[in-house]
Amino acid sequence: MERIESYGYEVYRDDEKLYYYDSHPHPNDPLLAKTHPHHKHIPPDMKHHRIPTKDIKFDRPNLPFLIEEIIEELEASK
């Protein structure tokens, strides 16, 4: 089985990017150390506003978590 070494997941509503995940390392950001290199980019200033992510990993499928998160956010925004 091949191991995933990097990824990027982007979530849009229509043409608006809501947030995204990636595995680009940011070793100088102590906030991200706990989930290094996994993190989520959120507004405002998504390129520089990063938070840890609890459920994105290299060693298991991420799609179930992403789908669940998107469904929860859609339901919350109703």
C-alpha atoms as a PDB file:
ATOM      1  CA  MET A   1       0.000   0.000   0.000  1.00  0.00           C
ATOM      2  CA  GLU A   2       1.317   3.436  -0.933  1.00  0.00           C
ATOM      3  CA  ARG A   3       1.546   6.135   1.697  1.00  0.00           C
ATOM      4  CA  ILE A   4       0.135   9.607   1.054  1.00  0.00           C
ATOM      5  CA  GLU A   5       2.820  12.237   1.579  1.00  0.00           C
ATOM      6  CA  SER A   6       0.875  15.440   0.920  1.00  0.00           C
ATOM      7  CA  TYR A   7      -2.645  16.609   0.136  1.00  0.00           C
ATOM      8  CA  GLY A   8      -4.886  19.631  -0.237  1.00  0.00           C
ATOM      9  CA  TYR A   9      -8.667  19.682   0.257  1.00  0.00           C
ATOM     10  CA  GLU A  10     -10.653  22.792  -0.677  1.00  0.00           C
ATOM     11  CA  VAL A  11     -14.289  23.404   0.302  1.00  0.00           C
ATOM     12  CA  TYR A  12     -16.421  25.769  -1.775  1.00  0.00           C
ATOM     13  CA  ARG A  13     -19.985  27.053  -1.705  1.00  0.00           C
ATOM     14  CA  ASP A  14     -20.760  28.090  -5.265  1.00  0.00           C
ATOM     15  CA  ASP A  15     -17.678  30.147  -6.256  1.00  0.00           C
ATOM     16  CA  GLU A  16     -16.702  31.064  -2.681  1.00  0.00           C
ATOM     17  CA  LYS A  17     -13.833  29.163  -1.072  1.00  0.00           C
ATOM     18  CA  LEU A  18     -14.943  28.538   2.512  1.00  0.00           C
ATOM     19  CA  TYR A  19     -11.765  26.924   3.872  1.00  0.00           C
ATOM     20  CA  TYR A  20      -9.116  24.391   2.986  1.00  0.00           C
ATOM     21  CA  TYR A  21      -6.827  21.791   4.486  1.00  0.00           C
ATOM     22  CA  ASP A  22      -3.261  21.027   3.525  1.00  0.00           C
ATOM     23  CA  SER A  23      -0.163  19.309   4.810  1.00  0.00           C
ATOM     24  CA  HIS A  24       2.397  21.994   4.028  1.00  0.00           C
ATOM     25  CA  PRO A  25       4.666  22.122   7.092  1.00  0.00           C
ATOM     26  CA  HIS A  26       4.809  25.252   9.245  1.00  0.00           C
ATOM     27  CA  PRO A  27       7.414  24.239  11.848  1.00  0.00           C
ATOM     28  CA  ASN A  28       7.689  27.747  13.291  1.00  0.00           C
ATOM     29  CA  ASP A  29       3.996  27.936  14.233  1.00  0.00           C
ATOM     30  CA  PRO A  30       3.649  26.449  17.749  1.00  0.00           C
ATOM     31  CA  LEU A  31      -0.158  26.422  17.450  1.00  0.00           C
ATOM     32  CA  LEU A  32       0.109  23.772  14.708  1.00  0.00           C
ATOM     33  CA  ALA A  33       2.676  21.541  16.471  1.00  0.00           C
ATOM     34  CA  LYS A  34       0.049  19.192  17.914  1.00  0.00           C
ATOM     35  CA  THR A  35      -1.289  18.162  14.479  1.00  0.00           C
ATOM     36  CA  HIS A  36       1.858  18.821  12.400  1.00  0.00           C
ATOM     37  CA  PRO A  37       1.781  18.979   9.426  1.00  0.00           C
ATOM     38  CA  HIS A  38      -2.031  18.784   9.166  1.00  0.00           C
ATOM     39  CA  HIS A  39      -3.975  22.045   9.468  1.00  0.00           C
ATOM     40  CA  LYS A  40      -6.989  23.989   8.253  1.00  0.00           C
ATOM     41  CA  HIS A  41      -6.943  27.434   6.606  1.00  0.00           C
ATOM     42  CA  ILE A  42      -9.937  29.558   7.579  1.00  0.00           C
ATOM     43  CA  PRO A  43     -11.170  33.124   6.998  1.00  0.00           C
ATOM     44  CA  PRO A  44     -10.188  35.834   7.299  1.00  0.00           C
ATOM     45  CA  ASP A  45      -6.945  35.785   5.291  1.00  0.00           C
ATOM     46  CA  MET A  46      -7.049  32.048   4.646  1.00  0.00           C
ATOM     47  CA  LYS A  47      -3.482  31.904   3.385  1.00  0.00           C
ATOM     48  CA  HIS A  48      -2.133  32.958   6.783  1.00  0.00           C
ATOM     49  CA  HIS A  49      -4.917  32.012   9.228  1.00  0.00           C
ATOM     50  CA  ARG A  50      -4.266  28.360  10.117  1.00  0.00           C
ATOM     51  CA  ILE A  51      -5.669  26.193  12.891  1.00  0.00           C
ATOM     52  CA  PRO A  52      -4.914  22.599  13.952  1.00  0.00           C
ATOM     53  CA  THR A  53      -7.116  19.853  12.584  1.00  0.00           C
ATOM     54  CA  LYS A  54      -8.069  16.849  14.637  1.00  0.00           C
ATOM     55  CA  ASP A  55      -9.141  14.311  12.029  1.00  0.00           C
ATOM     56  CA  ILE A  56      -6.940  14.629   8.944  1.00  0.00           C
ATOM     57  CA  LYS A  57      -4.204  11.990   8.797  1.00  0.00           C
ATOM     58  CA  PHE A  58      -1.808  10.350   6.349  1.00  0.00           C
ATOM     59  CA  ASP A  59      -2.578   6.801   7.496  1.00  0.00           C
ATOM     60  CA  ARG A  60      -6.327   6.569   6.873  1.00  0.00           C
ATOM     61  CA  PRO A  61      -8.946   7.880   4.440  1.00  0.00           C
ATOM     62  CA  ASN A  62      -9.922  11.504   5.049  1.00  0.00           C
ATOM     63  CA  LEU A  63     -13.006  11.663   2.854  1.00  0.00           C
ATOM     64  CA  PRO A  64     -15.467  10.365   5.514  1.00  0.00           C
ATOM     65  CA  PHE A  65     -14.400  13.107   7.940  1.00  0.00           C
ATOM     66  CA  LEU A  66     -14.575  15.801   5.257  1.00  0.00           C
ATOM     67  CA  ILE A  67     -18.054  14.756   4.141  1.00  0.00           C
ATOM     68  CA  GLU A  68     -19.318  14.692   7.736  1.00  0.00           C
ATOM     69  CA  GLU A  69     -17.852  18.132   8.436  1.00  0.00           C
ATOM     70  CA  ILE A  70     -19.414  19.644   5.303  1.00  0.00           C
ATOM     71  CA  ILE A  71     -22.840  18.146   6.110  1.00  0.00           C
ATOM     72  CA  GLU A  72     -22.685  19.504   9.674  1.00  0.00           C
ATOM     73  CA  GLU A  73     -21.767  22.980   8.420  1.00  0.00           C
ATOM     74  CA  LEU A  74     -24.555  22.960   5.835  1.00  0.00           C
ATOM     75  CA  GLU A  75     -27.103  21.952   8.467  1.00  0.00           C
ATOM     76  CA  ALA A  76     -25.833  24.611  10.887  1.00  0.00           C
ATOM     77  CA  SER A  77     -26.160  27.322   8.260  1.00  0.00           C
ATOM     78  CA  LYS A  78     -29.867  26.596   7.578  1.00  0.00           C
END
